[in-house]
Amino acid sequence: MALASTIFKADLGIADMERNHYASHSLTIALHPSETLERMMVRILAFGLHAEEGLSFGRGLSSDEEPAVQKRNLTGDIELWIDVGLPDARAVRKACNRSDKVRIYAYGRAARIWWTQQDFSRHENLSVILLPDTAELEKIASRSMNLDLSVQEGNIWIGNGRQSIHLEPVRLKS
């Protein structure tokens, strides 16, 4: 018998000064049994950085054919494909062929090594962003979360009212 996903709820307040986006989102996130809290929190962060009408979580680790976060148009085509972690080149190529825009949020100790081993120069619709120090995100994770996300001048702050974490993303490919 397969293990079931753990359901997390998050109320995410966003103040993104760079996109001029200010909103609140009530999110339901399924934590796959093989997924870490860090990865789940990076998915929430990626959602918040691109939050808009029609953005949703994909099936994640339970399906290799879907992104972590996605936006589909009215015909069902994927407009925005967001993946988190260190996907292999084949998966990135497939995502770039299936979507108008692809964003990868790379994180973890091996992220810089992963990046040096990739050649994504042919993918014009791909952006890769390195998120350093994401292990701290686990500290603010709970089954029911109230999170605030602020983005200003290339800096990200995410917190739960008691603790705030500052991240400085590094754009590896635009």
Protein backbone atom coordinates (compact mmCIF):
# COMPACT_ATOMS: atom_id res chain seq x y z
CA MET A 1 0.00 0.00 0.00
CA ALA A 2 1.39 3.40 -1.01
CA LEU A 3 1.87 6.14 1.53
CA ALA A 4 -0.54 9.05 1.23
CA SER A 5 0.48 12.66 0.76
CA THR A 6 0.31 15.01 3.74
CA ILE A 7 -1.91 18.03 3.20
CA PHE A 8 -0.66 21.48 4.20
CA LYS A 9 -2.69 24.70 4.16
CA ALA A 10 -1.13 28.13 3.69
CA ASP A 11 -2.52 31.63 3.62
CA LEU A 12 0.08 33.50 1.57
CA GLY A 13 0.13 37.29 1.62
CA ILE A 14 2.21 38.73 -1.21
CA ALA A 15 3.76 42.18 -1.54
CA ASP A 16 5.81 42.05 -4.74
CA MET A 17 7.07 45.56 -5.42
CA GLU A 18 8.86 44.48 -8.61
CA ARG A 19 5.68 43.18 -10.30
CA ASN A 20 3.35 45.57 -8.47
CA HIS A 21 1.40 42.53 -7.26
CA TYR A 22 -0.32 42.66 -3.87
CA ALA A 23 -2.66 39.81 -3.02
CA SER A 24 -3.57 37.01 -0.64
CA HIS A 25 -3.86 33.39 -1.70
CA SER A 26 -5.26 30.42 0.20
CA LEU A 27 -3.22 27.42 -0.85
CA THR A 28 -3.61 23.69 -0.34
CA ILE A 29 -0.35 21.85 -0.84
CA ALA A 30 0.13 18.10 -0.97
CA LEU A 31 3.50 16.98 0.42
CA HIS A 32 4.41 13.80 -1.44
CA PRO A 33 5.83 11.07 0.89
CA SER A 34 9.24 11.33 -0.80
CA GLU A 35 9.27 15.14 -0.85
CA THR A 36 11.15 17.21 1.74
CA LEU A 37 9.69 20.18 3.60
CA GLU A 38 12.37 22.31 1.96
CA ARG A 39 11.16 21.37 -1.54
CA MET A 40 7.53 22.01 -0.61
CA MET A 41 8.44 25.45 0.75
CA VAL A 42 10.38 26.25 -2.44
CA ARG A 43 7.24 25.32 -4.42
CA ILE A 44 5.22 27.74 -2.28
CA LEU A 45 7.87 30.41 -2.82
CA ALA A 46 7.85 29.83 -6.60
CA PHE A 47 4.06 30.10 -6.58
CA GLY A 48 4.28 33.41 -4.72
CA LEU A 49 6.90 34.84 -7.08
CA HIS A 50 4.62 34.22 -10.07
CA ALA A 51 1.17 34.46 -8.45
CA GLU A 52 -1.55 35.47 -10.85
CA GLU A 53 -4.93 34.29 -12.06
CA GLY A 54 -4.80 30.69 -13.27
CA LEU A 55 -1.55 29.67 -11.56
CA SER A 56 -1.76 26.30 -9.80
CA PHE A 57 0.32 23.52 -8.32
CA GLY A 58 1.04 20.56 -10.57
CA ARG A 59 0.96 16.97 -9.39
CA GLY A 60 4.63 17.36 -8.52
CA LEU A 61 6.69 14.31 -7.66
CA SER A 62 3.82 11.94 -8.39
CA SER A 63 4.11 12.78 -12.10
CA ASP A 64 7.30 13.36 -14.09
CA GLU A 65 5.23 14.85 -16.90
CA GLU A 66 3.98 17.85 -14.89
CA PRO A 67 5.66 20.91 -13.44
CA ALA A 68 5.72 21.81 -9.75
CA VAL A 69 3.71 24.97 -10.54
CA GLN A 70 1.95 25.82 -13.80
CA LYS A 71 -0.29 28.23 -15.59
CA ARG A 72 -2.51 26.92 -18.36
CA ASN A 73 -4.43 28.95 -20.91
CA LEU A 74 -8.08 28.42 -21.78
CA THR A 75 -7.24 25.71 -24.32
CA GLY A 76 -5.29 23.73 -21.71
CA ASP A 77 -1.83 24.50 -23.08
CA ILE A 78 0.84 25.30 -20.51
CA GLU A 79 1.88 28.97 -20.66
CA LEU A 80 4.23 28.87 -17.67
CA TRP A 81 6.09 25.78 -16.46
CA ILE A 82 7.86 26.17 -13.11
CA ASP A 83 10.10 23.44 -11.79
CA VAL A 84 12.07 23.38 -8.54
CA GLY A 85 15.22 21.47 -7.75
CA LEU A 86 17.76 20.12 -10.21
CA PRO A 87 15.93 18.61 -13.19
CA ASP A 88 17.83 16.63 -15.80
CA ALA A 89 18.48 18.10 -19.24
CA ARG A 90 15.92 15.82 -20.92
CA ALA A 91 13.14 17.04 -18.61
CA VAL A 92 14.11 20.68 -19.20
CA ARG A 93 14.15 20.18 -22.99
CA LYS A 94 10.71 18.55 -22.81
CA ALA A 95 9.34 21.40 -20.65
CA CYS A 96 10.73 24.03 -23.06
CA ASN A 97 9.01 22.27 -25.96
CA ARG A 98 5.67 22.04 -24.13
CA SER A 99 5.45 25.54 -22.65
CA ASP A 100 5.79 29.19 -23.66
CA LYS A 101 7.94 30.02 -20.61
CA VAL A 102 9.94 27.75 -18.30
CA ARG A 103 11.36 28.81 -14.93
CA ILE A 104 13.61 26.60 -12.83
CA TYR A 105 14.29 27.44 -9.21
CA ALA A 106 17.47 25.51 -8.39
CA TYR A 107 18.32 25.02 -4.73
CA GLY A 108 20.41 22.83 -2.46
CA ARG A 109 24.10 22.23 -1.91
CA ALA A 110 24.59 20.64 -5.33
CA ALA A 111 22.84 23.42 -7.29
CA ARG A 112 25.99 25.25 -8.38
CA ILE A 113 27.64 21.99 -9.48
CA TRP A 114 24.45 21.01 -11.36
CA TRP A 115 24.48 24.37 -13.15
CA THR A 116 28.08 23.99 -14.36
CA GLN A 117 27.15 20.64 -15.94
CA GLN A 118 24.23 22.02 -17.97
CA ASP A 119 24.05 23.52 -21.44
CA PHE A 120 20.71 25.26 -21.76
CA SER A 121 21.91 27.87 -24.27
CA ARG A 122 19.47 26.70 -26.98
CA HIS A 123 16.41 27.18 -24.77
CA GLU A 124 15.37 30.80 -25.29
CA ASN A 125 12.18 30.43 -23.24
CA LEU A 126 14.08 29.21 -20.14
CA SER A 127 15.12 31.11 -17.02
CA VAL A 128 17.13 29.51 -14.23
CA ILE A 129 17.27 31.09 -10.78
CA LEU A 130 19.47 29.85 -7.95
CA LEU A 131 17.92 30.11 -4.49
CA PRO A 132 20.69 29.89 -1.87
CA ASP A 133 20.04 29.03 1.78
CA THR A 134 16.59 27.48 1.31
CA ALA A 135 17.14 24.94 4.11
CA GLU A 136 16.01 27.71 6.48
CA LEU A 137 12.52 27.55 4.95
CA GLU A 138 11.80 24.32 6.84
CA LYS A 139 11.79 26.33 10.08
CA ILE A 140 8.62 28.19 9.09
CA ALA A 141 6.78 25.17 7.70
CA SER A 142 3.74 23.83 9.55
CA ARG A 143 0.53 22.02 8.59
CA SER A 144 -1.36 25.32 8.80
CA MET A 145 0.67 28.38 7.82
CA ASN A 146 0.16 32.11 7.61
CA LEU A 147 3.00 33.36 5.43
CA ASP A 148 4.01 36.79 4.21
CA LEU A 149 6.14 37.13 1.08
CA SER A 150 7.84 40.39 0.14
CA VAL A 151 9.89 41.01 -2.99
CA GLN A 152 11.87 44.19 -3.49
CA GLU A 153 15.03 45.10 -5.42
CA GLY A 154 15.92 41.47 -6.12
CA ASN A 155 15.53 40.41 -2.48
CA ILE A 156 12.95 38.02 -1.08
CA TRP A 157 11.64 37.89 2.48
CA ILE A 158 9.27 35.17 3.60
CA GLY A 159 8.05 34.76 7.13
CA ASN A 160 5.33 33.51 9.43
CA GLY A 161 5.01 36.44 11.84
CA ARG A 162 7.55 34.99 14.29
CA GLN A 163 10.46 34.36 11.97
CA SER A 164 11.52 35.89 8.66
CA ILE A 165 13.94 34.43 6.13
CA HIS A 166 15.86 36.55 3.64
CA LEU A 167 16.85 35.07 0.28
CA GLU A 168 18.96 36.65 -2.44
CA PRO A 169 18.21 34.80 -5.69
CA VAL A 170 20.91 34.60 -8.34
CA ARG A 171 19.75 34.68 -11.95
CA LEU A 172 21.82 32.08 -13.80
CA LYS A 173 19.97 32.31 -17.12
CA SER A 174 17.44 34.84 -18.34
